[in-house]
Protein backbone atom coordinates (compact mmCIF):
# COMPACT_ATOMS: atom_id res chain seq x y z
CA UNK A 1 248.88 100.25 116.14
CA UNK A 2 250.12 96.82 115.76
CA UNK A 3 247.74 94.92 113.47
CA UNK A 4 247.94 91.72 111.29
CA UNK A 5 248.97 93.70 108.26
CA UNK A 6 251.68 95.23 110.31
CA UNK A 7 253.24 92.21 111.61
CA UNK A 8 253.15 90.69 107.90
CA UNK A 9 255.02 93.68 106.65
CA UNK A 10 257.38 93.90 109.47
CA UNK A 11 258.58 90.25 109.01
CA UNK A 12 259.36 91.14 105.39
CA UNK A 13 261.75 93.91 106.70
CA UNK A 14 263.06 91.64 109.52
CA UNK A 15 263.94 88.95 107.11
CA UNK A 16 265.84 91.44 104.77
CA UNK A 17 267.84 92.98 107.45
CA UNK A 18 269.02 89.66 108.71
CA UNK A 19 271.71 88.45 106.91
CA UNK A 20 272.14 85.09 108.31
CA UNK A 21 275.93 84.92 107.83
CA UNK A 22 277.69 82.16 109.89
CA UNK A 23 280.34 83.57 112.10
CA UNK A 24 283.86 82.37 110.84
CA UNK A 25 287.17 82.50 113.00
CA UNK A 26 288.39 86.03 112.76
CA UNK A 27 291.06 88.19 114.30
CA UNK A 28 288.42 90.03 116.77
CA UNK A 29 284.76 90.70 117.44
CA UNK A 30 283.41 93.99 116.84
CA UNK A 31 280.40 94.79 118.88
CA UNK A 32 278.41 98.20 117.78
CA UNK A 33 276.74 99.71 120.76
CA UNK A 34 272.98 100.46 120.94
CA UNK A 35 270.06 100.30 123.41
CA UNK A 36 270.07 96.39 123.11
CA UNK A 37 272.63 95.16 125.62
CA UNK A 38 272.06 91.54 124.50
CA UNK A 39 274.84 92.02 121.78
CA UNK A 40 277.33 91.70 124.48
CA UNK A 41 275.85 88.22 125.58
CA UNK A 42 276.11 87.25 121.76
CA UNK A 43 279.79 88.43 121.77
CA UNK A 44 280.64 86.64 124.86
CA UNK A 45 279.17 83.50 123.49
CA UNK A 46 281.19 83.85 120.21
CA UNK A 47 284.46 84.53 122.31
CA UNK A 48 283.86 81.25 124.40
CA UNK A 49 283.36 79.33 121.14
CA UNK A 50 286.94 80.34 120.20
CA UNK A 51 285.72 82.52 117.06
CA UNK A 52 288.17 85.40 118.04
CA UNK A 53 290.77 85.99 120.74
CA UNK A 54 289.46 89.42 121.76
CA UNK A 55 286.55 91.93 121.57
CA UNK A 56 286.13 95.52 120.84
CA UNK A 57 283.06 97.19 122.24
CA UNK A 58 282.25 100.39 120.47
CA UNK A 59 279.66 103.09 121.57
CA UNK A 60 279.13 106.09 123.45
CA UNK A 61 275.52 107.79 123.51
CA UNK A 62 273.31 107.45 120.49
CA UNK A 63 270.05 109.60 119.85
CA UNK A 64 268.09 107.29 121.95
CA UNK A 65 270.59 106.14 124.76
CA UNK A 66 271.64 109.54 125.62
CA UNK A 67 268.07 110.29 127.12
CA UNK A 68 268.03 107.06 129.11
CA UNK A 69 271.51 106.25 130.23
CA UNK A 70 274.51 107.97 131.97
CA UNK A 71 277.00 105.12 131.25
CA UNK A 72 278.32 104.92 127.74
CA UNK A 73 276.90 101.85 125.66
CA UNK A 74 280.39 100.33 125.32
CA UNK A 75 281.21 100.34 129.04
CA UNK A 76 278.10 98.67 129.85
CA UNK A 77 278.45 96.12 127.18
CA UNK A 78 282.00 95.36 128.46
CA UNK A 79 280.84 94.96 132.08
CA UNK A 80 278.23 92.21 130.83
CA UNK A 81 280.91 90.41 128.92
CA UNK A 82 283.28 90.36 131.97
CA UNK A 83 280.31 89.01 133.99
CA UNK A 84 280.01 86.33 131.21
CA UNK A 85 283.40 85.03 131.89
CA UNK A 86 285.43 87.08 129.18
CA UNK A 87 288.81 88.45 130.78
CA UNK A 88 289.16 92.10 130.88
CA UNK A 89 292.44 91.61 129.17
CA UNK A 90 290.58 90.46 125.91
CA UNK A 91 288.68 93.59 125.59
CA UNK A 92 289.00 97.00 124.35
CA UNK A 93 286.40 99.89 124.77
CA UNK A 94 285.70 102.70 122.38
CA UNK A 95 283.15 104.87 124.13
CA UNK A 96 283.02 108.23 122.33
CA UNK A 97 281.01 107.22 118.98
CA UNK A 98 277.42 108.39 118.45
CA UNK A 99 276.51 106.48 115.30
CA UNK A 100 277.55 103.59 113.17
CA UNK A 101 280.00 105.61 110.92
CA UNK A 102 281.81 106.74 114.11
CA UNK A 103 281.73 103.32 115.42
CA UNK A 104 284.20 102.40 112.54
CA UNK A 105 286.11 105.56 112.53
CA UNK A 106 286.89 105.59 116.29
CA UNK A 107 287.58 101.91 116.24
CA UNK A 108 290.02 102.52 113.38
CA UNK A 109 291.67 105.16 115.54
CA UNK A 110 291.67 102.90 118.60
CA UNK A 111 293.54 100.27 116.79
CA UNK A 112 296.12 102.66 115.35
CA UNK A 113 296.61 104.01 118.78
CA UNK A 114 297.31 100.56 120.00
CA UNK A 115 299.48 99.56 117.02
CA UNK A 116 296.98 96.46 116.31
CA UNK A 117 296.50 95.17 113.08
CA UNK A 118 293.28 93.57 112.20
CA UNK A 119 292.29 91.81 109.03
CA UNK A 120 288.91 90.09 109.77
CA UNK A 121 286.00 90.88 112.02
CA UNK A 122 282.84 89.32 113.25
CA UNK A 123 280.47 92.26 113.55
CA UNK A 124 277.80 92.07 116.21
CA UNK A 125 274.66 94.15 116.20
CA UNK A 126 271.11 94.08 116.59
CA UNK A 127 269.22 91.46 114.27
CA UNK A 128 267.58 94.43 112.22
CA UNK A 129 270.95 96.27 111.99
CA UNK A 130 272.94 93.43 110.57
CA UNK A 131 272.68 94.52 107.00
CA UNK A 132 273.08 98.37 107.64
CA UNK A 133 276.09 97.61 109.89
CA UNK A 134 277.84 95.39 107.25
CA UNK A 135 277.13 98.29 104.47
CA UNK A 136 278.70 100.81 106.49
CA UNK A 137 281.74 98.84 107.84
CA UNK A 138 282.55 97.64 104.10
CA UNK A 139 282.39 101.38 103.13
CA UNK A 140 284.83 102.64 105.56
CA UNK A 141 286.98 99.63 105.83
CA UNK A 142 286.72 97.97 102.55
CA UNK A 143 289.84 95.76 102.75
CA UNK A 144 288.72 94.05 105.90
CA UNK A 145 286.90 90.59 105.85
CA UNK A 146 283.78 90.67 107.70
CA UNK A 147 280.81 88.63 108.68
CA UNK A 148 277.90 89.99 110.59
CA UNK A 149 275.87 88.31 113.50
CA UNK A 150 273.36 89.27 116.24
CA UNK A 151 271.62 87.84 119.35
CA UNK A 152 269.84 84.67 117.96
CA UNK A 153 266.17 85.62 118.51
CA UNK A 154 263.21 85.59 116.25
CA UNK A 155 261.08 88.50 115.26
CA UNK A 156 258.40 87.22 117.72
CA UNK A 157 260.95 86.86 120.60
CA UNK A 158 263.05 89.89 120.04
CA UNK A 159 260.89 92.86 121.65
CA UNK A 160 260.97 93.22 125.44
CA UNK A 161 259.35 95.69 127.76
CA UNK A 162 262.08 98.14 127.17
CA UNK A 163 262.28 97.50 123.38
CA UNK A 164 258.49 96.90 122.55
CA UNK A 165 257.26 95.76 118.98
CA UNK A 166 256.63 99.33 117.87
CA UNK A 167 259.98 100.56 118.52
CA UNK A 168 261.47 97.59 116.54
CA UNK A 169 259.18 98.42 113.76
CA UNK A 170 260.14 102.06 113.65
CA UNK A 171 263.90 101.23 113.83
CA UNK A 172 263.53 98.62 111.09
CA UNK A 173 261.71 101.13 108.72
CA UNK A 174 264.42 103.77 109.59
CA UNK A 175 267.38 101.38 108.78
CA UNK A 176 265.57 100.46 105.47
CA UNK A 177 265.45 104.17 104.42
CA UNK A 178 269.13 104.55 105.42
CA UNK A 179 270.14 101.32 103.35
CA UNK A 180 268.47 103.02 100.33
CA UNK A 181 269.88 106.96 100.82
CA UNK A 182 273.03 106.48 102.39
CA UNK A 183 275.13 105.26 99.75
CA UNK A 184 274.50 108.36 97.61
CA UNK A 185 275.80 110.23 100.99
CA UNK A 186 278.96 108.13 101.09
CA UNK A 187 277.93 106.54 104.33
CA UNK A 188 277.41 102.71 103.27
CA UNK A 189 278.19 100.44 100.24
CA UNK A 190 275.16 99.76 97.97
CA UNK A 191 272.74 97.02 99.10
CA UNK A 192 269.96 95.89 96.75
CA UNK A 193 266.47 96.38 98.26
CA UNK A 194 263.93 93.98 96.68
CA UNK A 195 260.56 95.73 95.38
CA UNK A 196 258.64 93.71 97.78
CA UNK A 197 260.86 94.77 100.70
CA UNK A 198 260.82 98.49 99.80
CA UNK A 199 257.07 98.53 99.30
CA UNK A 200 256.49 96.84 102.68
CA UNK A 201 258.69 99.77 104.23
CA UNK A 202 256.50 102.28 102.28
CA UNK A 203 253.38 100.79 103.60
CA UNK A 204 254.68 101.02 107.19
CA UNK A 205 255.52 104.68 106.78
CA UNK A 206 251.99 105.29 105.53
CA UNK A 207 250.86 103.39 108.72
CA UNK A 208 252.79 105.95 110.98
CA UNK A 209 256.10 104.22 111.58
CA UNK A 210 258.33 106.99 110.80
CA UNK A 211 259.80 107.87 114.06
CA UNK A 212 263.45 106.98 113.23
CA UNK A 213 263.42 108.24 109.70
CA UNK A 214 266.47 110.25 108.69
CA UNK A 215 266.29 113.59 107.28
CA UNK A 216 266.71 113.70 103.56
């Protein structure tokens, strides 16, 4: 149930996950696939601003999209970018990955196959996955310069009929838990979690927002 307490606690998590890093000119834009196709709009916007000369879309089917889509995430994102005026020649598509770690691993493999050298990225993800995506890339690709950005939406404006507030909160809680436990598993670099943020996450777990918690 969405209550005033839930919203207050969720804003704390939202503000933590959102890193607010300004995009800088980079070698390429790397878009991590998900159920939120608005990341393609953000990538196209950055491309047209001249932030980078090309875009990589990475994503096959995740735990959620495997049950709702028949076309891989990256292919759908690339189609949106083309409709937004990005030339197909400026796109690369990696459509096998099923999680954030594989996004990075399979993108590394794709670049090696294409004999492409990339030193800097603008990483595009959902707002509440900025921090975890950044931590994952820095773990698997520590020598690369990276900034991270997302669709420019507020906490209140982000939910849609397909991505309701309850799902957003469940995902934020799950991502917070992963930020805490994944460094020890070798999946991400360490990111400090302020006490206020972790306590808000624990309270949301107590309130039942546990749908996307990782198994520990």
